[in-house]
Structure formats: C-alpha cells, structure tokens
N, C-alpha and C. Protein backbone atom coordinates (compact mmCIF):
# COMPACT_ATOMS: atom_id res chain seq x y z
N MET A 1 0.84 -1.18 0.00
CA MET A 1 0.00 0.00 0.00
C MET A 1 0.89 1.24 0.00
N ARG A 2 0.48 2.25 -0.73
CA ARG A 2 1.27 3.48 -0.82
C ARG A 2 0.98 4.39 0.35
N SER A 3 1.99 5.12 0.70
CA SER A 3 1.77 6.11 1.75
C SER A 3 1.19 7.36 1.11
N SER A 4 0.53 8.17 1.89
CA SER A 4 -0.12 9.37 1.36
C SER A 4 0.90 10.38 0.86
N SER A 5 2.14 10.30 1.31
CA SER A 5 3.15 11.27 0.87
C SER A 5 3.63 10.99 -0.55
N SER A 6 3.39 9.77 -1.10
CA SER A 6 3.87 9.46 -2.44
C SER A 6 2.85 9.81 -3.52
N LYS A 7 1.69 10.27 -3.13
CA LYS A 7 0.66 10.63 -4.12
C LYS A 7 1.02 11.95 -4.78
N ILE A 8 0.70 12.04 -6.08
CA ILE A 8 0.93 13.27 -6.82
C ILE A 8 -0.33 14.10 -6.75
N PRO A 9 -0.23 15.35 -6.32
CA PRO A 9 -1.43 16.18 -6.23
C PRO A 9 -2.00 16.47 -7.61
N LEU A 10 -3.30 16.39 -7.74
CA LEU A 10 -3.95 16.66 -9.01
C LEU A 10 -4.23 18.14 -9.17
N GLY A 11 -4.27 18.57 -10.43
CA GLY A 11 -4.63 19.95 -10.72
C GLY A 11 -3.49 20.93 -10.57
N ARG A 12 -2.30 20.43 -10.38
CA ARG A 12 -1.16 21.34 -10.25
C ARG A 12 -0.20 21.08 -11.39
N GLY A 13 0.25 22.11 -12.03
CA GLY A 13 1.20 21.99 -13.11
C GLY A 13 2.61 21.88 -12.59
N PRO A 14 3.59 21.88 -13.48
CA PRO A 14 4.98 21.81 -13.04
C PRO A 14 5.35 23.04 -12.22
N GLY A 15 6.26 22.84 -11.33
CA GLY A 15 6.69 23.93 -10.46
C GLY A 15 7.55 24.94 -11.20
N PRO A 16 7.94 25.98 -10.52
CA PRO A 16 8.77 27.01 -11.15
C PRO A 16 10.13 26.44 -11.55
N GLY A 17 10.62 26.92 -12.70
CA GLY A 17 11.95 26.51 -13.14
C GLY A 17 11.98 25.18 -13.87
N VAL A 18 10.84 24.65 -14.27
CA VAL A 18 10.80 23.36 -14.94
C VAL A 18 10.99 23.54 -16.45
N GLY A 19 10.88 24.70 -16.99
CA GLY A 19 11.11 24.95 -18.41
C GLY A 19 9.84 25.18 -19.20
N VAL A 20 8.72 25.21 -18.56
CA VAL A 20 7.46 25.49 -19.23
C VAL A 20 7.06 26.90 -18.87
N ALA A 21 6.83 27.70 -19.90
CA ALA A 21 6.48 29.09 -19.64
C ALA A 21 5.03 29.18 -19.22
N GLY A 22 4.80 29.68 -18.05
CA GLY A 22 3.45 29.88 -17.54
C GLY A 22 3.00 31.29 -17.82
N PRO A 23 1.83 31.65 -17.35
CA PRO A 23 1.31 33.00 -17.63
C PRO A 23 2.18 34.10 -17.04
N THR A 24 2.89 33.81 -15.97
CA THR A 24 3.70 34.86 -15.36
C THR A 24 5.17 34.73 -15.72
N ASP A 25 5.58 33.63 -16.39
CA ASP A 25 6.98 33.44 -16.74
C ASP A 25 7.34 34.24 -17.98
N ASP A 26 8.61 34.50 -18.14
CA ASP A 26 9.12 35.23 -19.29
C ASP A 26 9.40 34.24 -20.42
N ILE A 27 8.74 34.42 -21.55
CA ILE A 27 8.91 33.47 -22.67
C ILE A 27 10.11 33.82 -23.55
N SER A 28 10.77 34.88 -23.25
CA SER A 28 11.92 35.27 -24.08
C SER A 28 13.03 34.21 -24.01
N SER A 29 13.06 33.42 -22.98
CA SER A 29 14.07 32.37 -22.90
C SER A 29 13.79 31.23 -23.88
N LEU A 30 12.56 31.14 -24.38
CA LEU A 30 12.21 30.09 -25.34
C LEU A 30 12.53 30.47 -26.78
N ILE A 31 12.76 31.74 -27.05
CA ILE A 31 13.01 32.20 -28.42
C ILE A 31 14.20 31.51 -29.07
N PRO A 32 15.33 31.32 -28.40
CA PRO A 32 16.44 30.60 -29.04
C PRO A 32 16.06 29.16 -29.43
N GLN A 33 15.27 28.50 -28.60
CA GLN A 33 14.84 27.14 -28.93
C GLN A 33 13.93 27.13 -30.14
N VAL A 34 13.04 28.10 -30.23
CA VAL A 34 12.13 28.19 -31.38
C VAL A 34 12.93 28.46 -32.64
N LEU A 35 13.95 29.30 -32.55
CA LEU A 35 14.76 29.62 -33.72
C LEU A 35 15.58 28.42 -34.20
N VAL A 36 15.88 27.49 -33.31
CA VAL A 36 16.59 26.28 -33.70
C VAL A 36 15.63 25.31 -34.41
N VAL A 37 14.41 25.21 -33.91
CA VAL A 37 13.44 24.26 -34.46
C VAL A 37 12.80 24.76 -35.74
N LEU A 38 12.59 26.03 -35.88
CA LEU A 38 11.89 26.61 -37.03
C LEU A 38 12.46 26.18 -38.38
N PRO A 39 13.78 26.20 -38.60
CA PRO A 39 14.30 25.78 -39.91
C PRO A 39 14.09 24.28 -40.19
N MET A 40 13.81 23.49 -39.16
CA MET A 40 13.62 22.05 -39.35
C MET A 40 12.23 21.70 -39.88
N ILE A 41 11.28 22.61 -39.79
CA ILE A 41 9.90 22.31 -40.16
C ILE A 41 9.77 21.88 -41.63
N PRO A 42 10.40 22.56 -42.62
CA PRO A 42 10.28 22.08 -44.00
C PRO A 42 10.83 20.66 -44.18
N MET A 43 11.93 20.34 -43.49
CA MET A 43 12.49 18.99 -43.58
C MET A 43 11.53 17.97 -42.98
N ILE A 44 10.91 18.29 -41.86
CA ILE A 44 9.95 17.39 -41.22
C ILE A 44 8.76 17.16 -42.14
N LEU A 45 8.26 18.21 -42.77
CA LEU A 45 7.14 18.07 -43.70
C LEU A 45 7.52 17.22 -44.91
N ALA A 46 8.74 17.39 -45.42
CA ALA A 46 9.19 16.59 -46.56
C ALA A 46 9.26 15.11 -46.20
N VAL A 47 9.78 14.81 -45.03
CA VAL A 47 9.86 13.41 -44.58
C VAL A 47 8.45 12.84 -44.38
N ALA A 48 7.56 13.63 -43.81
CA ALA A 48 6.18 13.16 -43.61
C ALA A 48 5.50 12.88 -44.95
N ASN A 49 5.72 13.73 -45.95
CA ASN A 49 5.15 13.50 -47.28
C ASN A 49 5.73 12.26 -47.93
N GLU A 50 7.02 12.00 -47.72
CA GLU A 50 7.64 10.80 -48.27
C GLU A 50 7.05 9.55 -47.63
N ILE A 51 6.86 9.59 -46.33
CA ILE A 51 6.25 8.46 -45.62
C ILE A 51 4.83 8.23 -46.13
N ARG A 52 4.09 9.31 -46.31
CA ARG A 52 2.72 9.20 -46.81
C ARG A 52 2.69 8.58 -48.19
N SER A 53 3.60 8.98 -49.08
CA SER A 53 3.60 8.42 -50.43
C SER A 53 4.02 6.95 -50.43
N ARG A 54 4.93 6.57 -49.56
CA ARG A 54 5.32 5.16 -49.47
C ARG A 54 4.18 4.31 -48.94
N LEU A 55 3.48 4.82 -47.95
CA LEU A 55 2.37 4.06 -47.38
C LEU A 55 1.20 3.94 -48.35
N SER A 56 1.01 4.93 -49.20
CA SER A 56 -0.11 4.84 -50.15
C SER A 56 0.10 3.71 -51.14
N GLY A 57 1.34 3.32 -51.40
CA GLY A 57 1.61 2.20 -52.29
C GLY A 57 1.39 0.86 -51.61
N LEU A 58 1.18 0.85 -50.31
CA LEU A 58 0.99 -0.39 -49.57
C LEU A 58 -0.48 -0.74 -49.35
N ARG A 59 -1.38 0.01 -49.96
CA ARG A 59 -2.79 -0.27 -49.77
C ARG A 59 -3.17 -1.58 -50.45
N LYS A 60 -4.14 -2.24 -49.88
CA LYS A 60 -4.60 -3.51 -50.42
C LYS A 60 -5.33 -3.27 -51.74
N SER A 61 -5.14 -4.17 -52.68
CA SER A 61 -5.82 -4.04 -53.97
C SER A 61 -7.25 -4.54 -53.90
N HIS A 62 -7.54 -5.42 -52.94
CA HIS A 62 -8.88 -5.97 -52.77
C HIS A 62 -9.31 -5.84 -51.31
N LEU A 63 -10.61 -5.65 -51.11
CA LEU A 63 -11.17 -5.50 -49.77
C LEU A 63 -12.17 -6.61 -49.50
N THR A 64 -12.30 -6.99 -48.23
CA THR A 64 -13.31 -7.98 -47.87
C THR A 64 -14.68 -7.31 -47.89
N ILE A 65 -15.71 -8.12 -47.87
CA ILE A 65 -17.08 -7.60 -47.83
C ILE A 65 -17.27 -6.73 -46.59
N GLU A 66 -16.71 -7.15 -45.48
CA GLU A 66 -16.85 -6.39 -44.23
C GLU A 66 -16.16 -5.04 -44.33
N GLU A 67 -14.99 -4.99 -44.98
CA GLU A 67 -14.28 -3.71 -45.13
C GLU A 67 -15.05 -2.75 -46.04
N VAL A 68 -15.64 -3.27 -47.11
CA VAL A 68 -16.45 -2.43 -48.00
C VAL A 68 -17.67 -1.92 -47.25
N ALA A 69 -18.28 -2.79 -46.47
CA ALA A 69 -19.46 -2.39 -45.69
C ALA A 69 -19.10 -1.28 -44.71
N ALA A 70 -17.99 -1.42 -44.01
CA ALA A 70 -17.57 -0.40 -43.05
C ALA A 70 -17.26 0.92 -43.75
N ALA A 71 -16.62 0.85 -44.91
CA ALA A 71 -16.25 2.07 -45.64
C ALA A 71 -17.47 2.80 -46.20
N THR A 72 -18.51 2.06 -46.54
CA THR A 72 -19.69 2.67 -47.14
C THR A 72 -20.81 2.96 -46.15
N GLY A 73 -20.65 2.46 -44.92
CA GLY A 73 -21.70 2.68 -43.93
C GLY A 73 -22.89 1.77 -44.13
N ARG A 74 -22.70 0.68 -44.81
CA ARG A 74 -23.77 -0.29 -45.07
C ARG A 74 -23.49 -1.59 -44.34
N ALA A 75 -24.46 -2.47 -44.31
CA ALA A 75 -24.29 -3.78 -43.69
C ALA A 75 -23.61 -4.73 -44.67
N PRO A 76 -22.84 -5.71 -44.17
CA PRO A 76 -22.23 -6.70 -45.06
C PRO A 76 -23.27 -7.41 -45.94
N TYR A 77 -24.45 -7.64 -45.38
CA TYR A 77 -25.52 -8.27 -46.15
C TYR A 77 -25.85 -7.44 -47.40
N THR A 78 -25.90 -6.11 -47.25
CA THR A 78 -26.20 -5.22 -48.37
C THR A 78 -25.11 -5.32 -49.44
N VAL A 79 -23.85 -5.36 -49.01
CA VAL A 79 -22.74 -5.44 -49.97
C VAL A 79 -22.82 -6.77 -50.72
N ARG A 80 -23.13 -7.85 -50.02
CA ARG A 80 -23.29 -9.15 -50.70
C ARG A 80 -24.43 -9.11 -51.71
N THR A 81 -25.51 -8.40 -51.37
CA THR A 81 -26.63 -8.24 -52.30
C THR A 81 -26.19 -7.49 -53.54
N TRP A 82 -25.38 -6.44 -53.38
CA TRP A 82 -24.87 -5.70 -54.53
C TRP A 82 -24.05 -6.61 -55.43
N VAL A 83 -23.27 -7.50 -54.82
CA VAL A 83 -22.47 -8.44 -55.61
C VAL A 83 -23.39 -9.38 -56.38
N LYS A 84 -24.42 -9.92 -55.73
CA LYS A 84 -25.36 -10.83 -56.38
C LYS A 84 -26.10 -10.13 -57.52
N GLN A 85 -26.43 -8.86 -57.33
CA GLN A 85 -27.16 -8.09 -58.34
C GLN A 85 -26.25 -7.61 -59.47
N GLY A 86 -24.94 -7.75 -59.30
CA GLY A 86 -23.99 -7.30 -60.31
C GLY A 86 -23.67 -5.81 -60.25
N ARG A 87 -24.08 -5.15 -59.19
CA ARG A 87 -23.76 -3.71 -59.06
C ARG A 87 -22.26 -3.50 -58.85
N ILE A 88 -21.64 -4.43 -58.13
CA ILE A 88 -20.19 -4.40 -57.97
C ILE A 88 -19.64 -5.80 -58.24
N ARG A 89 -18.39 -5.83 -58.62
CA ARG A 89 -17.71 -7.07 -58.96
C ARG A 89 -16.97 -7.59 -57.74
N ALA A 90 -16.92 -8.91 -57.58
CA ALA A 90 -16.17 -9.52 -56.49
C ALA A 90 -15.56 -10.82 -56.98
N ILE A 91 -14.49 -11.21 -56.32
CA ILE A 91 -13.78 -12.44 -56.66
C ILE A 91 -13.93 -13.39 -55.49
N ARG A 92 -14.29 -14.64 -55.77
CA ARG A 92 -14.41 -15.63 -54.71
C ARG A 92 -13.08 -16.36 -54.56
N VAL A 93 -12.54 -16.34 -53.35
CA VAL A 93 -11.27 -16.98 -53.05
C VAL A 93 -11.56 -18.14 -52.11
N ALA A 94 -11.11 -19.31 -52.48
CA ALA A 94 -11.38 -20.51 -51.67
C ALA A 94 -10.35 -20.63 -50.56
N ASP A 95 -10.63 -19.96 -49.46
CA ASP A 95 -9.71 -20.09 -48.32
C ASP A 95 -10.44 -20.22 -46.99
N ALA A 96 -11.63 -19.68 -46.90
CA ALA A 96 -12.35 -19.72 -45.63
C ALA A 96 -13.79 -20.16 -45.87
N GLY A 97 -14.22 -21.14 -45.13
CA GLY A 97 -15.60 -21.59 -45.24
C GLY A 97 -15.81 -22.47 -46.45
N PRO A 98 -17.00 -23.07 -46.53
CA PRO A 98 -17.27 -23.99 -47.63
C PRO A 98 -17.38 -23.31 -48.99
N ARG A 99 -17.81 -22.04 -49.01
CA ARG A 99 -17.96 -21.34 -50.29
C ARG A 99 -16.84 -20.36 -50.56
N GLY A 100 -15.91 -20.20 -49.65
CA GLY A 100 -14.80 -19.28 -49.84
C GLY A 100 -15.12 -17.89 -49.35
N ARG A 101 -14.28 -16.94 -49.70
CA ARG A 101 -14.41 -15.56 -49.26
C ARG A 101 -14.54 -14.66 -50.49
N LEU A 102 -15.38 -13.63 -50.38
CA LEU A 102 -15.53 -12.66 -51.47
C LEU A 102 -14.58 -11.50 -51.24
N LEU A 103 -13.83 -11.14 -52.29
CA LEU A 103 -12.95 -9.97 -52.24
C LEU A 103 -13.39 -8.99 -53.32
N VAL A 104 -13.50 -7.72 -52.94
CA VAL A 104 -13.96 -6.68 -53.85
C VAL A 104 -12.76 -5.83 -54.27
N PRO A 105 -12.52 -5.68 -55.59
CA PRO A 105 -11.43 -4.80 -56.04
C PRO A 105 -11.66 -3.37 -55.57
N ARG A 106 -10.57 -2.70 -55.23
CA ARG A 106 -10.65 -1.32 -54.73
C ARG A 106 -11.35 -0.39 -55.73
N GLU A 107 -11.22 -0.67 -57.01
CA GLU A 107 -11.85 0.18 -58.04
C GLU A 107 -13.37 0.18 -57.92
N GLU A 108 -13.91 -0.88 -57.34
CA GLU A 108 -15.36 -0.97 -57.19
C GLU A 108 -15.89 0.07 -56.21
N LEU A 109 -15.06 0.54 -55.30
CA LEU A 109 -15.49 1.60 -54.38
C LEU A 109 -15.84 2.87 -55.15
N GLU A 110 -15.05 3.17 -56.17
CA GLU A 110 -15.34 4.34 -56.99
C GLU A 110 -16.68 4.16 -57.70
N LYS A 111 -16.96 2.94 -58.11
CA LYS A 111 -18.23 2.62 -58.74
C LYS A 111 -19.39 2.90 -57.77
N LEU A 112 -19.19 2.57 -56.50
CA LEU A 112 -20.22 2.81 -55.50
C LEU A 112 -20.47 4.31 -55.32
N VAL A 113 -19.43 5.09 -55.35
CA VAL A 113 -19.56 6.55 -55.21
C VAL A 113 -20.34 7.11 -56.39
N THR A 114 -19.99 6.67 -57.60
CA THR A 114 -20.65 7.15 -58.81
C THR A 114 -22.14 6.80 -58.80
N ALA A 115 -22.45 5.61 -58.30
CA ALA A 115 -23.85 5.16 -58.26
C ALA A 115 -24.62 5.76 -57.08
N GLY A 116 -23.92 6.47 -56.20
CA GLY A 116 -24.57 7.09 -55.04
C GLY A 116 -24.89 6.10 -53.93
N LEU A 117 -24.20 4.96 -53.91
CA LEU A 117 -24.47 3.94 -52.90
C LEU A 117 -23.56 4.06 -51.68
N ALA A 118 -22.53 4.85 -51.77
CA ALA A 118 -21.55 4.96 -50.67
C ALA A 118 -21.88 6.19 -49.84
N SER A 119 -22.72 6.02 -48.84
CA SER A 119 -23.18 7.16 -48.06
C SER A 119 -22.11 7.75 -47.16
N GLN A 120 -21.16 6.93 -46.68
CA GLN A 120 -20.17 7.44 -45.74
C GLN A 120 -18.74 7.26 -46.24
N LEU A 121 -18.54 7.11 -47.51
CA LEU A 121 -17.21 6.82 -48.05
C LEU A 121 -16.36 8.08 -48.04
N PRO A 122 -15.23 8.09 -47.29
CA PRO A 122 -14.35 9.26 -47.30
C PRO A 122 -13.61 9.33 -48.63
N ALA A 123 -13.24 10.53 -49.03
CA ALA A 123 -12.54 10.72 -50.31
C ALA A 123 -11.22 9.97 -50.35
N ALA A 124 -10.54 9.84 -49.21
CA ALA A 124 -9.25 9.16 -49.16
C ALA A 124 -9.36 7.68 -49.49
N ALA A 125 -10.53 7.11 -49.36
CA ALA A 125 -10.69 5.66 -49.59
C ALA A 125 -10.56 5.30 -51.05
N ILE A 126 -10.86 6.24 -51.96
CA ILE A 126 -10.80 5.91 -53.38
C ILE A 126 -9.55 6.47 -54.06
N ASP A 127 -8.77 7.23 -53.34
CA ASP A 127 -7.53 7.79 -53.92
C ASP A 127 -6.51 6.71 -54.16
C-alpha cells in the first residue's frame, strides 16, 4: 500500500523553473529554442510527405465484404446483395468456409460513389 506522501497532487502543473512558460513566466528564454526548431519544419514536412507516399503504395488491392461495408456505412448483407445483383464485382477466393471468401477490387469503391451507394465513403478511400 502506498503512503499518502507518495501521491501526486492533481490539478497542479509543473513547479517554477521546470522549463514550461506559464502565464507569469518570461517566454523570451524560449526564443532561441524556437529559432533552432523553425528551420527544421520544412524537412519534417518533406519526410512526412515521403512516408505518406510510401504508405499509399501499400494499400490492399482488394477489400473484404466487411471492409467495403464499413467504408460505405452499409451492412455486409447489403454489400453481398450488390455483388449478387452485379452492381459491384467480387472475386471468390477458396480459403475460408465452404464457399470461400468474397474480395472486392478497390476500383469498385469508386463505382459505388458514382452510383450514389456509398453514403459514408471518405474521399481518401478511393484515392
């Protein structure tokens, strides 16, 4: 069991001299630090953009019925109905269950947007 002296009081910020400028502290001491970090911002943004472009190439080419349902805000049953009706194309892969698994090509999401069936599809999902 802890003693009451080891508890950290709630609602209190760091004490004086900890390096965080409070309302009464002088922020002029932080200016040299800001001037050191400021030139690094373009480099940080460039690295972040490179990471983003690398990750965009790692997207799956096909989505499961459940993933399409989640992206469109519909039930998996509805997405399966669209496949049966031929509104979207799907590939049956024999790996799970007696009938296999349905995989929907990513391009079919764009088809859903065009047809007005994707009520909650974010723009990033079809990029």
